[in-house]
Amino acid sequence: MRIVDLRNREYQTNEELIKLIKRSEMEIEQYETAVKDIIKNVKEKGDEALIDYTELFDKVKLSSPEELVITFDELEKAYDQLDDDTKWALEVALERVKSFHEAQIERSYLLEEEGMLLGQKVIPMERVGLYVPGGKAAYPSTVIMNAAPAKVAGVKEMVMCSPNPNKYTLAAAFLCGVDTVYRIGGAQAIAAMAYGTETVKKVDKIVGPGNIFVALAKKNVYGIVDIDSIAGPSEILVIADETANPEWVAADLLSQAEHDELAASILVTTSEDLAIDVKNILYNVLLKDFEREEIARKSLDNYGHIFIVDDLDTACEVSNFIAPEHLEIITKSPFDLLEKIKHAGAIFLGEYSTEPLGDYILGPNHVLPTGRSARFSSPLGVYDFIKRSSIIYVSREGFDRVEKYARQIATAEGLYAHRLSVEVRKRSS
């Protein structure tokens, strides 16, 4: 983890900062060809390719396509195997996430004016694909974050892909009412849900986070299906002043570093003492005998940064420049900075609003834009699982009110059949 002094310097041209925000671009070049090959193979060979890739990447040997599907009985058995405290925690999380997302429900509407009815029909998607990562960790919380808003939106059918999922992930799928679960991961899972195979159902939209292979696969199938976003490795940025507890800040940075070797943990602070203390605690206290030390240490060594800035206004500017997935503001008056934040997936205000609470239990979605895409993207929500159709009715009276304007614009655009469609109706009166 590097400490970079940005005081009295232009942060926009700092080499360390530029390298940090471009890390996703470097990853794309490295893996793009491999991902395209996987998609092509799944598209052409279907289940056969899925079985081969599951053995190659997940070390799970399947004897038939039927084994790609995890049965309802297996889901129920996984749920029954959980201890009561874990069951209760997952149930509380599901209810809180559903409750939060119910506020996002959109309604159809009609606007009436003289001779016209104009409106919008809100329609839930028919079938969506939920991707839930596996491999380095189990993510039952991601099942809930994917499935809950889909259920609230009224999606008819949910299918889920996860590489070699454990009992917690399967139990969450059972609890959330996921219709079909496949033991498939990576780019091959995205390709299967996008194009369909003999066993895997083709979906209308794919949502959920994943590694670089998953992100690039979603990018490549967009247009065949819809996607929520192209989510890359996890990231956290903490804005802190001299009042912040260095141990708490260090723990929060570590909570993202343990996700993935490519995760980025960033501190932007006005306090040089805090910067030094946080780095010391991370490396000399928290990483010692840490169960996921190898992953976290690589992340911190390669993508961990502490930026020292002149003031909190500059800290907010640096944060907006990075546009982080998770932003924590641990300062004396965190709400004073809220208005200055323009780009962040989720904003955690105050020292007790630690990011893991948002991951698991608070209610807002933890599937968030990464890799600076918070500049133009939003957290996963009910709005991701609906479509909108315009509703248009025009009577003769309404036609007479507007037809001349339509004819005039059609003439200006040189689209004479457009004008003709209006004229033949006008002549019939």
Protein backbone atom coordinates (compact mmCIF):
# COMPACT_ATOMS: atom_id res chain seq x y z
CA MET A 1 0.00 0.00 0.00
CA ARG A 2 1.43 3.31 -1.10
CA ILE A 3 1.10 6.64 0.70
CA VAL A 4 0.87 9.44 -1.87
CA ASP A 5 1.11 13.09 -0.84
CA LEU A 6 -1.22 15.20 -3.00
CA ARG A 7 -0.93 18.36 -0.92
CA ASN A 8 -0.26 21.39 -3.13
CA ARG A 9 -0.35 19.12 -6.19
CA GLU A 10 -2.73 18.56 -9.12
CA TYR A 11 -4.41 15.24 -8.36
CA GLN A 12 -5.76 14.84 -11.92
CA THR A 13 -2.24 14.28 -13.27
CA ASN A 14 -0.85 12.15 -10.45
CA GLU A 15 0.63 8.97 -11.93
CA GLU A 16 -0.46 6.71 -9.07
CA LEU A 17 -4.04 7.97 -9.24
CA ILE A 18 -4.20 7.66 -13.04
CA LYS A 19 -2.83 4.10 -12.86
CA LEU A 20 -5.42 3.22 -10.22
CA ILE A 21 -8.43 4.42 -12.21
CA LYS A 22 -7.18 2.71 -15.37
CA ARG A 23 -6.68 -0.70 -13.80
CA SER A 24 -9.87 -2.05 -15.39
CA GLU A 25 -8.71 -1.00 -18.85
CA MET A 26 -5.50 -3.01 -18.43
CA GLU A 27 -7.49 -6.06 -17.29
CA ILE A 28 -9.78 -5.90 -20.34
CA GLU A 29 -6.89 -6.18 -22.79
CA GLN A 30 -5.51 -9.19 -20.95
CA TYR A 31 -8.68 -11.31 -20.86
CA GLU A 32 -10.88 -10.18 -23.79
CA THR A 33 -9.76 -12.83 -26.28
CA ALA A 34 -10.19 -15.71 -23.81
CA VAL A 35 -13.70 -14.57 -22.91
CA LYS A 36 -14.77 -14.33 -26.56
CA ASP A 37 -13.49 -17.86 -27.15
CA ILE A 38 -15.52 -19.19 -24.20
CA ILE A 39 -18.70 -17.48 -25.42
CA LYS A 40 -18.21 -18.84 -28.94
CA ASN A 41 -17.64 -22.37 -27.65
CA VAL A 42 -20.75 -22.31 -25.42
CA LYS A 43 -22.83 -20.89 -28.27
CA GLU A 44 -21.73 -23.67 -30.62
CA LYS A 45 -21.44 -26.69 -28.30
CA GLY A 46 -23.98 -25.88 -25.58
CA ASP A 47 -24.07 -28.28 -22.61
CA GLU A 48 -20.94 -30.09 -23.76
CA ALA A 49 -18.91 -26.88 -23.41
CA LEU A 50 -20.45 -26.13 -20.01
CA ILE A 51 -19.49 -29.56 -18.67
CA ASP A 52 -15.93 -29.17 -19.97
CA TYR A 53 -15.50 -25.68 -18.51
CA THR A 54 -17.00 -26.70 -15.17
CA GLU A 55 -14.36 -29.39 -14.85
CA LEU A 56 -11.56 -27.13 -16.11
CA PHE A 57 -12.28 -24.03 -14.00
CA ASP A 58 -14.31 -25.28 -11.02
CA LYS A 59 -12.75 -28.76 -10.69
CA VAL A 60 -16.21 -30.34 -10.68
CA LYS A 61 -16.65 -33.35 -12.96
CA LEU A 62 -20.21 -33.80 -14.20
CA SER A 63 -21.29 -37.02 -15.86
CA SER A 64 -24.37 -35.62 -17.64
CA PRO A 65 -26.09 -32.32 -18.50
CA GLU A 66 -28.75 -33.08 -15.90
CA GLU A 67 -26.12 -32.54 -13.19
CA LEU A 68 -25.78 -28.91 -14.27
CA VAL A 69 -29.13 -28.34 -12.54
CA ILE A 70 -29.34 -28.20 -8.76
CA THR A 71 -32.67 -29.70 -7.77
CA PHE A 72 -35.25 -28.13 -5.51
CA ASP A 73 -34.65 -30.93 -2.99
CA GLU A 74 -30.96 -29.97 -2.84
CA LEU A 75 -31.88 -26.34 -2.20
CA GLU A 76 -34.30 -27.29 0.55
CA LYS A 77 -31.76 -29.67 2.11
CA ALA A 78 -29.14 -26.90 2.16
CA TYR A 79 -31.57 -24.58 3.95
CA ASP A 80 -32.47 -27.27 6.49
CA GLN A 81 -28.77 -27.79 7.26
CA LEU A 82 -28.28 -24.21 8.41
CA ASP A 83 -28.25 -23.42 12.12
CA ASP A 84 -31.16 -21.36 13.40
CA ASP A 85 -29.12 -18.18 13.87
CA THR A 86 -27.94 -18.19 10.25
CA LYS A 87 -31.45 -18.91 8.98
CA TRP A 88 -32.80 -16.01 11.00
CA ALA A 89 -30.05 -13.66 9.81
CA LEU A 90 -30.78 -14.48 6.16
CA GLU A 91 -34.52 -14.08 6.68
CA VAL A 92 -34.08 -10.70 8.37
CA ALA A 93 -31.77 -9.58 5.56
CA LEU A 94 -34.27 -10.67 2.90
CA GLU A 95 -37.15 -8.81 4.56
CA ARG A 96 -35.09 -5.63 4.98
CA VAL A 97 -33.89 -5.71 1.36
CA LYS A 98 -37.41 -6.34 0.05
CA SER A 99 -38.84 -3.55 2.22
CA PHE A 100 -36.26 -1.05 1.00
CA HIS A 101 -36.82 -1.92 -2.64
CA GLU A 102 -40.60 -1.68 -2.42
CA ALA A 103 -40.15 2.10 -2.36
CA GLN A 104 -38.73 1.83 -5.89
CA ILE A 105 -41.87 0.34 -7.46
CA GLU A 106 -43.02 2.26 -10.54
CA ARG A 107 -46.67 2.52 -11.55
CA SER A 108 -48.29 2.62 -14.96
CA TYR A 109 -50.10 5.88 -15.71
CA LEU A 110 -52.39 7.58 -18.25
CA LEU A 111 -52.58 11.30 -19.00
CA GLU A 112 -55.84 12.50 -20.53
CA GLU A 113 -56.15 15.56 -22.72
CA GLU A 114 -58.66 16.65 -25.35
CA GLY A 115 -59.02 13.75 -27.80
CA MET A 116 -56.02 11.81 -26.47
CA LEU A 117 -54.89 9.29 -23.88
CA LEU A 118 -51.12 9.17 -23.42
CA GLY A 119 -49.32 7.11 -20.85
CA GLN A 120 -46.82 4.49 -19.85
CA LYS A 121 -47.26 0.81 -19.04
CA VAL A 122 -44.77 -0.70 -16.59
CA ILE A 123 -44.14 -4.39 -17.35
CA PRO A 124 -42.00 -6.81 -15.29
CA MET A 125 -39.48 -8.88 -17.23
CA GLU A 126 -40.43 -12.48 -17.98
CA ARG A 127 -37.22 -14.34 -17.12
CA VAL A 128 -34.00 -12.98 -15.62
CA GLY A 129 -30.64 -14.59 -14.91
CA LEU A 130 -28.94 -13.98 -11.58
CA TYR A 131 -25.19 -14.43 -11.39
CA VAL A 132 -23.78 -15.17 -7.94
CA PRO A 133 -19.98 -15.45 -7.59
CA GLY A 134 -18.28 -18.39 -5.93
CA GLY A 135 -14.69 -19.53 -5.87
CA LYS A 136 -12.88 -17.38 -3.32
CA ALA A 137 -15.93 -16.98 -1.05
CA ALA A 138 -19.62 -17.83 -0.71
CA TYR A 139 -22.14 -15.06 -1.26
CA PRO A 140 -25.64 -15.82 0.02
CA SER A 141 -26.03 -12.08 0.47
CA THR A 142 -25.64 -11.59 -3.28
CA VAL A 143 -28.45 -14.07 -3.90
CA ILE A 144 -30.68 -11.88 -1.76
CA MET A 145 -29.51 -8.64 -3.39
CA ASN A 146 -30.17 -10.06 -6.87
CA ALA A 147 -33.42 -11.87 -6.17
CA ALA A 148 -35.27 -9.50 -3.82
CA PRO A 149 -35.68 -6.56 -6.23
CA ALA A 150 -36.60 -8.98 -9.03
CA LYS A 151 -39.36 -10.45 -6.85
CA VAL A 152 -40.58 -6.99 -5.84
CA ALA A 153 -40.66 -5.98 -9.52
CA GLY A 154 -42.88 -8.96 -10.32
CA VAL A 155 -40.45 -10.98 -12.47
CA LYS A 156 -42.13 -14.22 -13.52
CA GLU A 157 -39.09 -16.53 -13.47
CA MET A 158 -35.62 -16.30 -11.94
CA VAL A 159 -32.73 -18.59 -12.88
CA MET A 160 -29.38 -18.47 -11.14
CA CYS A 161 -25.85 -19.50 -12.02
CA SER A 162 -23.11 -19.96 -9.43
CA PRO A 163 -19.84 -21.92 -9.62
CA ASN A 164 -19.85 -24.87 -7.21
CA PRO A 165 -22.17 -23.11 -4.72
CA ASN A 166 -22.04 -24.11 -1.05
CA LYS A 167 -24.95 -24.67 1.31
CA TYR A 168 -25.27 -21.00 2.26
CA THR A 169 -25.67 -19.86 -1.34
CA LEU A 170 -28.12 -22.68 -2.06
CA ALA A 171 -30.09 -21.97 1.11
CA ALA A 172 -30.42 -18.32 0.13
CA ALA A 173 -31.69 -19.36 -3.32
CA PHE A 174 -34.31 -21.55 -1.62
CA LEU A 175 -35.32 -18.73 0.72
CA CYS A 176 -35.63 -16.22 -2.14
CA GLY A 177 -37.72 -18.51 -4.32
CA VAL A 178 -35.25 -18.82 -7.22
CA ASP A 179 -36.87 -21.09 -9.80
CA THR A 180 -33.83 -22.87 -11.26
CA VAL A 181 -30.20 -23.00 -10.10
CA TYR A 182 -27.28 -24.13 -12.28
CA ARG A 183 -23.82 -25.10 -10.97
CA ILE A 184 -22.07 -23.02 -13.62
CA GLY A 185 -19.77 -20.05 -13.21
CA GLY A 186 -17.61 -17.59 -15.12
CA ALA A 187 -17.98 -16.40 -18.69
CA GLN A 188 -19.52 -19.74 -19.65
CA ALA A 189 -22.47 -19.12 -17.30
CA ILE A 190 -23.11 -15.70 -18.85
CA ALA A 191 -22.95 -17.17 -22.36
CA ALA A 192 -25.34 -19.98 -21.42
CA MET A 193 -27.94 -17.60 -19.98
CA ALA A 194 -27.60 -15.25 -22.95
CA TYR A 195 -27.89 -17.80 -25.75
CA GLY A 196 -29.46 -20.77 -23.98
CA THR A 197 -28.31 -24.38 -24.23
CA GLU A 198 -30.07 -27.74 -24.21
CA THR A 199 -30.35 -27.42 -20.42
CA VAL A 200 -29.91 -23.75 -19.52
CA LYS A 201 -32.84 -21.45 -20.20
CA LYS A 202 -32.24 -18.30 -22.24
CA VAL A 203 -33.06 -15.19 -20.21
CA ASP A 204 -34.03 -11.61 -21.04
CA LYS A 205 -31.58 -9.94 -18.67
CA ILE A 206 -28.50 -10.91 -16.65
CA VAL A 207 -27.64 -9.21 -13.37
CA GLY A 208 -25.09 -9.66 -10.63
CA PRO A 209 -21.39 -9.09 -9.94
CA GLY A 210 -18.45 -11.31 -10.82
CA ASN A 211 -14.79 -11.43 -11.71
CA ILE A 212 -13.19 -9.95 -14.82
CA PHE A 213 -14.30 -12.94 -16.94
CA VAL A 214 -17.92 -12.44 -15.90
CA ALA A 215 -17.76 -8.69 -16.46
CA LEU A 216 -16.30 -9.04 -19.96
CA ALA A 217 -18.77 -11.78 -20.86
CA LYS A 218 -21.67 -9.52 -19.87
CA LYS A 219 -20.19 -6.77 -22.00
CA ASN A 220 -19.97 -9.13 -24.98
CA VAL A 221 -23.54 -10.49 -24.77
CA TYR A 222 -25.17 -7.09 -24.22
CA GLY A 223 -27.66 -6.61 -27.04
CA ILE A 224 -28.49 -10.30 -27.14
CA VAL A 225 -29.77 -9.80 -23.61
CA ASP A 226 -29.90 -6.80 -21.32
CA ILE A 227 -27.43 -6.50 -18.44
CA ASP A 228 -27.37 -4.45 -15.26
CA SER A 229 -23.78 -3.26 -15.55
CA ILE A 230 -20.26 -4.40 -16.32
CA ALA A 231 -19.14 -4.84 -12.73
CA GLY A 232 -15.45 -5.31 -12.08
CA PRO A 233 -13.41 -5.99 -8.94
CA SER A 234 -14.65 -4.51 -5.67
CA GLU A 235 -13.42 -1.17 -4.37
CA ILE A 236 -13.78 1.07 -1.35
CA LEU A 237 -12.75 4.67 -0.77
CA VAL A 238 -12.71 6.15 2.72
CA ILE A 239 -12.64 9.91 3.27
CA ALA A 240 -11.35 10.53 6.80
CA ASP A 241 -10.03 13.37 8.91
CA GLU A 242 -7.98 13.43 12.11
CA THR A 243 -11.01 12.41 14.20
CA ALA A 244 -11.28 8.96 12.56
CA ASN A 245 -10.30 5.83 14.45
CA PRO A 246 -7.35 4.36 12.49
CA GLU A 247 -8.17 0.77 13.49
CA TRP A 248 -11.74 1.13 12.23
CA VAL A 249 -10.57 2.67 8.96
CA ALA A 250 -7.97 -0.08 8.50
CA ALA A 251 -10.57 -2.78 9.11
CA ASP A 252 -12.90 -1.25 6.54
CA LEU A 253 -10.15 -1.13 3.92
CA LEU A 254 -9.30 -4.75 4.66
CA SER A 255 -12.94 -5.75 4.24
CA GLN A 256 -12.68 -5.02 0.52
CA ALA A 257 -9.12 -6.23 0.05
CA GLU A 258 -10.13 -9.73 1.16
CA HIS A 259 -12.60 -10.03 -1.74
CA ASP A 260 -10.13 -10.31 -4.59
CA GLU A 261 -6.49 -9.72 -5.50
CA LEU A 262 -7.75 -7.06 -7.92
CA ALA A 263 -9.85 -5.19 -5.33
CA ALA A 264 -8.87 -1.60 -4.55
CA SER A 265 -8.81 -0.15 -1.02
CA ILE A 266 -8.27 3.61 -0.92
CA LEU A 267 -8.01 6.13 1.89
CA VAL A 268 -8.17 9.87 1.20
CA THR A 269 -7.31 11.87 4.31
CA THR A 270 -6.28 15.30 5.50
CA SER A 271 -4.23 13.74 8.31
CA GLU A 272 -0.69 12.48 7.72
CA ASP A 273 -0.71 10.85 11.15
CA LEU A 274 -3.86 8.90 10.29
CA ALA A 275 -2.32 7.77 7.00
CA ILE A 276 0.73 6.36 8.75
CA ASP A 277 -1.30 4.74 11.53
CA VAL A 278 -3.74 3.05 9.13
CA LYS A 279 -0.97 1.52 7.03
CA ASN A 280 0.87 0.34 10.15
CA ILE A 281 -2.25 -1.29 11.60
CA LEU A 282 -3.08 -2.99 8.31
CA TYR A 283 0.31 -4.59 7.78
CA ASN A 284 1.55 -5.11 11.32
CA VAL A 285 -1.68 -5.97 13.14
CA LEU A 286 -4.66 -6.95 11.00
CA LEU A 287 -2.88 -8.97 8.33
CA LYS A 288 -1.00 -11.07 10.86
CA ASP A 289 -2.59 -14.53 11.08
CA PHE A 290 -5.46 -13.26 8.90
CA GLU A 291 -7.30 -16.18 7.28
CA ARG A 292 -7.44 -14.53 3.85
CA GLU A 293 -4.04 -12.88 4.12
CA GLU A 294 -2.69 -13.95 0.73
CA ILE A 295 -5.60 -12.44 -1.21
CA ALA A 296 -5.77 -9.28 0.94
CA ARG A 297 -2.03 -8.66 0.89
CA LYS A 298 -1.86 -8.87 -2.92
CA SER A 299 -4.78 -6.48 -3.19
CA LEU A 300 -3.25 -3.97 -0.79
CA ASP A 301 0.22 -4.24 -2.30
CA ASN A 302 -0.98 -3.73 -5.86
CA TYR A 303 -4.04 -1.50 -5.56
CA GLY A 304 -4.04 -0.14 -2.00
CA HIS A 305 -3.47 3.63 -1.81
CA ILE A 306 -3.54 6.35 0.82
CA PHE A 307 -3.79 9.87 -0.58
CA ILE A 308 -3.03 12.82 1.70
CA VAL A 309 -4.83 16.00 0.64
CA ASP A 310 -4.98 19.61 1.80
CA ASP A 311 -8.63 19.72 2.88
CA LEU A 312 -11.91 17.84 2.81
CA ASP A 313 -13.14 19.70 -0.25
CA THR A 314 -10.20 18.27 -2.17
CA ALA A 315 -10.89 14.86 -0.65
CA CYS A 316 -14.38 15.00 -2.17
CA GLU A 317 -12.95 16.05 -5.53
CA VAL A 318 -10.53 13.11 -5.51
CA SER A 319 -13.37 10.77 -4.57
CA ASN A 320 -15.54 12.09 -7.41
CA PHE A 321 -12.61 11.62 -9.80
CA ILE A 322 -12.28 7.96 -8.74
CA ALA A 323 -16.09 7.44 -8.57
CA PRO A 324 -15.84 4.51 -6.15
CA GLU A 325 -18.20 1.59 -5.70
CA HIS A 326 -18.31 2.12 -1.92
CA LEU A 327 -17.61 5.47 -0.27
CA GLU A 328 -17.30 5.87 3.49
CA ILE A 329 -17.12 9.35 5.01
CA ILE A 330 -15.61 9.14 8.49
CA THR A 331 -15.18 12.76 9.55
CA LYS A 332 -16.30 15.03 12.34
CA SER A 333 -19.30 16.22 10.29
CA PRO A 334 -19.93 13.68 7.51
CA PHE A 335 -23.28 15.14 6.39
CA ASP A 336 -21.53 18.41 5.54
CA LEU A 337 -19.76 16.56 2.71
CA LEU A 338 -22.77 14.70 1.30
CA GLU A 339 -23.80 17.48 -1.08
CA LYS A 340 -20.28 17.56 -2.54
CA ILE A 341 -20.31 13.89 -3.53
CA LYS A 342 -21.35 13.44 -7.16
CA HIS A 343 -20.17 9.95 -8.06
CA ALA A 344 -20.37 6.90 -5.79
CA GLY A 345 -22.27 3.62 -5.84
CA ALA A 346 -23.16 3.76 -2.15
CA ILE A 347 -22.34 6.47 0.41
CA PHE A 348 -21.83 5.46 4.05
CA LEU A 349 -21.96 8.40 6.46
CA GLY A 350 -20.37 8.30 9.90
CA GLU A 351 -18.08 5.99 11.80
CA TYR A 352 -20.70 3.33 12.58
CA SER A 353 -21.95 3.07 8.99
CA THR A 354 -19.39 0.45 8.07
CA GLU A 355 -19.64 -0.94 4.55
CA PRO A 356 -20.20 -4.59 5.59
CA LEU A 357 -23.52 -3.57 7.18
CA GLY A 358 -24.58 -2.44 3.71
CA ASP A 359 -23.31 -5.69 2.20
CA TYR A 360 -25.57 -7.79 4.37
CA ILE A 361 -28.42 -6.30 6.32
CA LEU A 362 -29.38 -2.64 5.91
CA GLY A 363 -31.56 -2.86 2.79
CA PRO A 364 -29.97 -0.83 -0.04
CA ASN A 365 -28.52 -3.06 -2.74
CA HIS A 366 -24.89 -4.13 -2.61
CA VAL A 367 -24.67 -4.80 -6.36
CA LEU A 368 -23.04 -1.49 -7.25
CA PRO A 369 -21.23 0.19 -10.16
CA THR A 370 -17.47 -0.31 -10.16
CA GLY A 371 -14.50 0.89 -12.21
CA ARG A 372 -15.63 4.55 -12.29
CA SER A 373 -19.01 3.58 -13.76
CA ALA A 374 -20.70 5.29 -10.79
CA ARG A 375 -20.36 8.39 -12.99
CA PHE A 376 -23.27 7.08 -15.06
CA SER A 377 -24.65 3.95 -13.34
CA SER A 378 -26.73 3.16 -10.26
CA PRO A 379 -27.12 0.34 -7.72
CA LEU A 380 -29.18 -2.66 -8.77
CA GLY A 381 -32.86 -2.00 -8.11
CA VAL A 382 -36.45 -2.75 -9.01
CA TYR A 383 -36.05 -0.47 -12.04
CA ASP A 384 -33.58 -2.99 -13.49
CA PHE A 385 -36.28 -5.66 -13.74
CA ILE A 386 -39.04 -3.73 -15.52
CA LYS A 387 -39.70 -2.43 -19.01
CA ARG A 388 -41.78 0.58 -19.98
CA SER A 389 -44.09 0.78 -22.99
CA SER A 390 -45.67 4.01 -24.16
CA ILE A 391 -49.47 4.01 -24.48
CA ILE A 392 -50.99 6.19 -27.20
CA TYR A 393 -54.63 6.68 -28.15
CA VAL A 394 -55.79 9.49 -30.45
CA SER A 395 -59.43 10.15 -31.41
CA ARG A 396 -60.56 12.06 -34.51
CA GLU A 397 -60.78 15.19 -32.39
CA GLY A 398 -57.25 14.69 -31.10
CA PHE A 399 -55.98 13.97 -34.62
CA ASP A 400 -57.36 17.27 -35.89
CA ARG A 401 -55.56 19.14 -33.11
CA VAL A 402 -52.04 17.98 -34.05
CA GLU A 403 -51.99 16.57 -37.60
CA LYS A 404 -50.72 19.76 -39.28
CA TYR A 405 -47.66 19.87 -37.00
CA ALA A 406 -46.81 16.25 -37.79
CA ARG A 407 -47.12 16.94 -41.56
CA GLN A 408 -44.88 19.98 -41.26
CA ILE A 409 -42.12 18.12 -39.41
CA ALA A 410 -42.33 15.13 -41.79
CA THR A 411 -41.87 17.55 -44.72
CA ALA A 412 -38.87 19.14 -43.03
CA GLU A 413 -37.29 15.72 -42.54
CA GLY A 414 -38.02 14.61 -46.09
CA LEU A 415 -39.99 11.57 -44.93
CA TYR A 416 -42.89 11.69 -47.36
CA ALA A 417 -44.55 8.40 -46.41
CA HIS A 418 -44.74 9.72 -42.84
CA ARG A 419 -46.58 12.77 -44.17
CA LEU A 420 -48.76 10.54 -46.37
CA SER A 421 -49.90 8.47 -43.35
CA VAL A 422 -51.27 11.66 -41.83
CA GLU A 423 -52.70 13.08 -45.08
CA VAL A 424 -54.76 10.00 -46.00
CA ARG A 425 -56.52 10.27 -42.65
CA LYS A 426 -57.08 13.99 -43.06
CA ARG A 427 -58.57 13.50 -46.51
CA SER A 428 -61.05 10.93 -45.23
CA SER A 429 -62.85 13.50 -43.08
